[in-house]
């Protein structure tokens, strides 16, 4: 059941009412007793994601990542092979005569 916000245009009393969607809107102000309440348009509720790593576009992982065997040992990173560097070739072009 949603919560509706009301305001009285005569005494400016604002309050919330917990009503079913099929219930008729309230008409009498609980503070001043006059008729003519206005039901405000609510902003709705926001999305709340609990936990880490879950977003609206994510899918649940089917298989959890496996932990490395052997306790607290870390694998050594692979050694990078040395790369050969070639000197930059200078392109010599004759200057255009003007």
N, C-alpha and C. Protein backbone atom coordinates (compact mmCIF):
# COMPACT_ATOMS: atom_id res chain seq x y z
N UNK A 1 0.85 -1.18 0.00
CA UNK A 1 0.00 0.00 0.00
C UNK A 1 0.90 1.24 0.00
N UNK A 2 0.61 2.17 -0.88
CA UNK A 2 1.46 3.36 -0.99
C UNK A 2 1.14 4.41 0.07
N UNK A 3 2.09 5.32 0.22
CA UNK A 3 1.92 6.46 1.12
C UNK A 3 1.67 7.69 0.25
N UNK A 4 0.55 8.38 0.51
CA UNK A 4 0.20 9.58 -0.26
C UNK A 4 0.47 10.81 0.58
N UNK A 5 0.88 11.88 -0.08
CA UNK A 5 1.11 13.16 0.58
C UNK A 5 -0.07 14.08 0.28
N UNK A 6 -0.53 14.77 1.31
CA UNK A 6 -1.63 15.72 1.19
C UNK A 6 -1.21 17.05 1.76
N UNK A 7 -1.85 18.12 1.27
CA UNK A 7 -1.65 19.46 1.81
C UNK A 7 -3.00 20.17 1.82
N UNK A 8 -3.22 20.92 2.88
CA UNK A 8 -4.46 21.69 3.00
C UNK A 8 -4.20 23.09 2.44
N UNK A 9 -4.96 23.54 1.46
CA UNK A 9 -4.72 24.87 0.88
C UNK A 9 -5.15 26.01 1.82
N UNK A 10 -5.94 25.70 2.83
CA UNK A 10 -6.43 26.76 3.74
C UNK A 10 -5.47 27.01 4.91
N UNK A 11 -5.01 25.93 5.58
CA UNK A 11 -4.10 26.11 6.73
C UNK A 11 -2.67 25.70 6.42
N UNK A 12 -2.42 25.19 5.21
CA UNK A 12 -1.09 24.78 4.72
C UNK A 12 -0.49 23.63 5.54
N UNK A 13 -1.34 22.83 6.15
CA UNK A 13 -0.88 21.65 6.88
C UNK A 13 -0.56 20.55 5.87
N UNK A 14 0.65 20.00 5.96
CA UNK A 14 1.08 18.92 5.06
C UNK A 14 1.25 17.66 5.89
N UNK A 15 0.78 16.51 5.35
CA UNK A 15 0.89 15.24 6.05
C UNK A 15 0.88 14.11 5.05
N UNK A 16 1.19 12.91 5.55
CA UNK A 16 1.20 11.71 4.72
C UNK A 16 0.11 10.76 5.22
N UNK A 17 -0.49 10.03 4.29
CA UNK A 17 -1.52 9.05 4.64
C UNK A 17 -1.19 7.73 3.96
N UNK A 18 -1.29 6.64 4.72
CA UNK A 18 -1.03 5.29 4.22
C UNK A 18 -2.36 4.72 3.78
N UNK A 19 -2.58 4.63 2.45
CA UNK A 19 -3.87 4.20 1.90
C UNK A 19 -3.64 3.18 0.80
N UNK A 20 -4.69 2.37 0.55
CA UNK A 20 -4.63 1.45 -0.59
C UNK A 20 -4.85 2.25 -1.87
N UNK A 21 -4.46 1.68 -2.98
CA UNK A 21 -4.60 2.39 -4.26
C UNK A 21 -6.05 2.57 -4.67
N UNK A 22 -6.93 1.68 -4.20
CA UNK A 22 -8.33 1.78 -4.57
C UNK A 22 -9.13 2.67 -3.63
N UNK A 23 -8.53 3.16 -2.55
CA UNK A 23 -9.24 4.03 -1.60
C UNK A 23 -9.46 5.41 -2.21
N UNK A 24 -10.56 6.03 -1.81
CA UNK A 24 -10.86 7.39 -2.27
C UNK A 24 -9.91 8.38 -1.61
N UNK A 25 -9.51 9.43 -2.32
CA UNK A 25 -8.63 10.43 -1.73
C UNK A 25 -9.28 11.12 -0.53
N UNK A 26 -8.49 11.52 0.45
CA UNK A 26 -9.00 12.24 1.62
C UNK A 26 -9.45 13.63 1.20
N UNK A 27 -10.47 14.15 1.88
CA UNK A 27 -10.98 15.47 1.53
C UNK A 27 -10.97 16.44 2.70
N UNK A 28 -10.93 15.93 3.94
CA UNK A 28 -11.02 16.79 5.12
C UNK A 28 -9.67 16.87 5.84
N UNK A 29 -9.23 18.09 6.16
CA UNK A 29 -7.95 18.32 6.83
C UNK A 29 -8.06 17.86 8.29
N UNK A 30 -7.11 17.06 8.78
CA UNK A 30 -7.17 16.62 10.17
C UNK A 30 -6.83 17.73 11.16
N UNK A 31 -6.19 18.81 10.72
CA UNK A 31 -5.80 19.90 11.63
C UNK A 31 -6.90 20.94 11.78
N UNK A 32 -7.39 21.48 10.64
CA UNK A 32 -8.39 22.55 10.72
C UNK A 32 -9.81 22.03 10.50
N UNK A 33 -9.97 20.82 9.95
CA UNK A 33 -11.29 20.24 9.75
C UNK A 33 -12.01 20.72 8.50
N UNK A 34 -11.38 21.56 7.70
CA UNK A 34 -12.04 22.08 6.49
C UNK A 34 -11.80 21.12 5.33
N UNK A 35 -12.71 21.20 4.37
CA UNK A 35 -12.62 20.33 3.20
C UNK A 35 -11.79 21.00 2.11
N UNK A 36 -11.24 20.17 1.21
CA UNK A 36 -10.49 20.72 0.08
C UNK A 36 -9.03 20.32 0.07
N UNK A 37 -8.70 19.18 0.63
CA UNK A 37 -7.31 18.71 0.61
C UNK A 37 -6.84 18.46 -0.82
N UNK A 38 -5.59 18.68 -1.05
CA UNK A 38 -4.97 18.41 -2.35
C UNK A 38 -3.96 17.30 -2.17
N UNK A 39 -4.09 16.25 -3.01
CA UNK A 39 -3.12 15.16 -2.96
C UNK A 39 -1.95 15.51 -3.88
N UNK A 40 -0.76 15.46 -3.33
CA UNK A 40 0.45 15.82 -4.08
C UNK A 40 0.95 14.63 -4.87
N UNK A 41 1.66 14.92 -5.93
CA UNK A 41 2.27 13.87 -6.74
C UNK A 41 3.61 13.54 -6.10
N UNK A 42 3.79 12.29 -5.71
CA UNK A 42 5.03 11.86 -5.06
C UNK A 42 6.10 11.52 -6.07
N UNK A 43 7.31 11.54 -5.60
CA UNK A 43 8.45 11.22 -6.44
C UNK A 43 8.69 9.72 -6.54
N UNK A 44 7.97 8.94 -5.75
CA UNK A 44 8.19 7.49 -5.78
C UNK A 44 9.39 7.12 -4.94
N UNK A 45 9.71 5.87 -4.97
CA UNK A 45 10.86 5.41 -4.19
C UNK A 45 12.02 5.11 -5.13
N UNK A 46 13.20 5.23 -4.62
CA UNK A 46 14.39 4.97 -5.42
C UNK A 46 14.82 3.51 -5.31
N UNK A 47 15.70 3.11 -6.19
CA UNK A 47 16.24 1.76 -6.15
C UNK A 47 17.36 1.71 -5.12
N UNK A 48 17.37 0.64 -4.36
CA UNK A 48 18.43 0.44 -3.39
C UNK A 48 19.11 -0.88 -3.69
N UNK A 49 20.41 -0.83 -3.96
CA UNK A 49 21.18 -2.03 -4.22
C UNK A 49 22.02 -2.31 -2.99
N UNK A 50 21.85 -3.49 -2.43
CA UNK A 50 22.63 -3.86 -1.26
C UNK A 50 23.73 -4.82 -1.68
N UNK A 51 24.88 -4.68 -1.08
CA UNK A 51 26.00 -5.52 -1.44
C UNK A 51 26.94 -4.79 -2.37
N UNK A 52 28.01 -5.45 -2.72
CA UNK A 52 28.98 -4.79 -3.60
C UNK A 52 29.00 -5.49 -4.95
N UNK A 53 29.13 -4.73 -5.99
CA UNK A 53 29.31 -5.29 -7.32
C UNK A 53 28.03 -5.60 -8.06
N UNK A 54 26.89 -5.18 -7.58
CA UNK A 54 25.66 -5.44 -8.31
C UNK A 54 25.13 -4.12 -8.87
N UNK A 55 24.87 -4.12 -10.15
CA UNK A 55 24.34 -2.95 -10.81
C UNK A 55 23.15 -3.38 -11.65
N UNK A 56 22.39 -2.45 -12.12
CA UNK A 56 21.16 -2.77 -12.84
C UNK A 56 21.44 -3.51 -14.14
N UNK A 57 22.63 -3.35 -14.71
CA UNK A 57 22.95 -4.01 -15.97
C UNK A 57 23.73 -5.30 -15.80
N UNK A 58 24.02 -5.68 -14.56
CA UNK A 58 24.80 -6.90 -14.31
C UNK A 58 23.92 -8.13 -14.26
N UNK A 59 24.54 -9.26 -14.49
CA UNK A 59 23.90 -10.55 -14.33
C UNK A 59 24.64 -11.28 -13.22
N UNK A 60 23.95 -12.13 -12.52
CA UNK A 60 24.57 -12.89 -11.46
C UNK A 60 25.54 -13.90 -12.07
N UNK A 61 26.73 -14.00 -11.48
CA UNK A 61 27.72 -14.97 -11.96
C UNK A 61 27.22 -16.38 -11.67
N UNK A 62 27.34 -17.25 -12.65
CA UNK A 62 26.90 -18.63 -12.46
C UNK A 62 27.91 -19.41 -11.63
N UNK A 63 29.19 -19.07 -11.77
CA UNK A 63 30.23 -19.79 -11.06
C UNK A 63 31.13 -18.77 -10.36
N UNK A 64 31.36 -18.99 -9.06
CA UNK A 64 32.23 -18.09 -8.31
C UNK A 64 33.67 -18.33 -8.72
N UNK A 65 34.51 -17.31 -8.71
CA UNK A 65 35.92 -17.51 -9.07
C UNK A 65 36.59 -18.41 -8.04
N UNK A 66 37.46 -19.30 -8.54
CA UNK A 66 38.15 -20.24 -7.66
C UNK A 66 39.34 -19.56 -7.02
N UNK A 67 39.57 -19.88 -5.76
CA UNK A 67 40.71 -19.32 -5.04
C UNK A 67 41.95 -20.13 -5.37
N UNK A 68 43.10 -19.48 -5.35
CA UNK A 68 44.37 -20.14 -5.65
C UNK A 68 44.68 -21.14 -4.54
N UNK A 69 45.12 -22.32 -4.91
CA UNK A 69 45.48 -23.35 -3.94
C UNK A 69 46.84 -23.03 -3.33
N UNK A 70 47.06 -23.49 -2.11
CA UNK A 70 48.37 -23.30 -1.51
C UNK A 70 48.39 -22.21 -0.46
N UNK A 71 47.26 -21.74 0.00
CA UNK A 71 47.24 -20.77 1.09
C UNK A 71 47.56 -19.37 0.62
N UNK A 72 48.51 -18.73 1.31
CA UNK A 72 48.80 -17.33 1.06
C UNK A 72 49.88 -17.10 0.03
N UNK A 73 50.32 -18.14 -0.68
CA UNK A 73 51.37 -17.96 -1.67
C UNK A 73 50.81 -17.25 -2.90
N UNK A 74 51.61 -16.35 -3.41
CA UNK A 74 51.21 -15.64 -4.63
C UNK A 74 52.08 -16.11 -5.77
N UNK A 75 51.49 -16.26 -6.92
CA UNK A 75 52.25 -16.68 -8.10
C UNK A 75 53.08 -15.51 -8.60
N UNK A 76 54.30 -15.81 -9.05
CA UNK A 76 55.18 -14.77 -9.57
C UNK A 76 54.67 -14.32 -10.93
N UNK A 77 54.74 -13.03 -11.20
CA UNK A 77 54.28 -12.55 -12.51
C UNK A 77 55.19 -13.09 -13.61
N UNK A 78 54.66 -13.34 -14.80
CA UNK A 78 55.49 -13.86 -15.89
C UNK A 78 56.53 -12.83 -16.31
N UNK A 79 57.73 -13.34 -16.67
CA UNK A 79 58.80 -12.45 -17.07
C UNK A 79 58.56 -11.97 -18.50
N UNK A 80 58.78 -10.70 -18.69
CA UNK A 80 58.60 -10.13 -20.03
C UNK A 80 59.87 -10.36 -20.84
N UNK A 81 59.69 -10.72 -22.10
CA UNK A 81 60.83 -10.92 -22.97
C UNK A 81 61.36 -9.56 -23.42
N UNK A 82 62.68 -9.45 -23.53
CA UNK A 82 63.23 -8.16 -23.97
C UNK A 82 62.82 -7.90 -25.42
N UNK A 83 62.55 -6.67 -25.70
CA UNK A 83 62.15 -6.31 -27.07
C UNK A 83 63.32 -5.67 -27.78
N UNK A 84 63.39 -5.90 -29.07
CA UNK A 84 64.44 -5.31 -29.89
C UNK A 84 63.95 -3.96 -30.39
N UNK A 85 64.80 -2.99 -30.25
CA UNK A 85 64.45 -1.67 -30.75
C UNK A 85 65.31 -1.36 -31.96
N UNK A 86 64.69 -0.84 -32.97
CA UNK A 86 65.41 -0.47 -34.18
C UNK A 86 65.52 1.05 -34.23
N UNK A 87 66.64 1.54 -34.68
CA UNK A 87 66.76 3.01 -34.79
C UNK A 87 65.76 3.53 -35.85
N UNK A 88 65.23 4.66 -35.57
CA UNK A 88 64.27 5.26 -36.48
C UNK A 88 64.98 5.62 -37.79
N UNK A 89 64.38 5.23 -38.88
CA UNK A 89 64.96 5.51 -40.19
C UNK A 89 64.56 6.93 -40.59
N UNK A 90 65.55 7.71 -40.87
CA UNK A 90 65.28 9.09 -41.28
C UNK A 90 64.96 9.10 -42.78
N UNK A 91 63.85 9.62 -43.10
CA UNK A 91 63.48 9.72 -44.51
C UNK A 91 64.01 11.02 -45.06
N UNK A 92 64.96 10.90 -45.91
CA UNK A 92 65.52 12.13 -46.47
C UNK A 92 64.90 12.40 -47.82
N UNK A 93 64.23 13.49 -47.90
CA UNK A 93 63.60 13.89 -49.16
C UNK A 93 64.26 15.19 -49.60
N UNK A 94 64.48 15.33 -50.87
CA UNK A 94 65.08 16.59 -51.32
C UNK A 94 64.07 17.72 -51.15
N UNK A 95 64.60 18.84 -50.77
CA UNK A 95 63.75 20.00 -50.58
C UNK A 95 63.24 20.49 -51.90
N UNK A 96 62.01 20.85 -51.96
CA UNK A 96 61.41 21.33 -53.21
C UNK A 96 61.89 22.74 -53.48
N UNK A 97 62.30 22.97 -54.68
CA UNK A 97 62.77 24.30 -55.05
C UNK A 97 61.59 25.20 -55.33
N UNK A 98 61.71 26.40 -54.89
CA UNK A 98 60.61 27.34 -55.08
C UNK A 98 60.85 28.28 -56.21
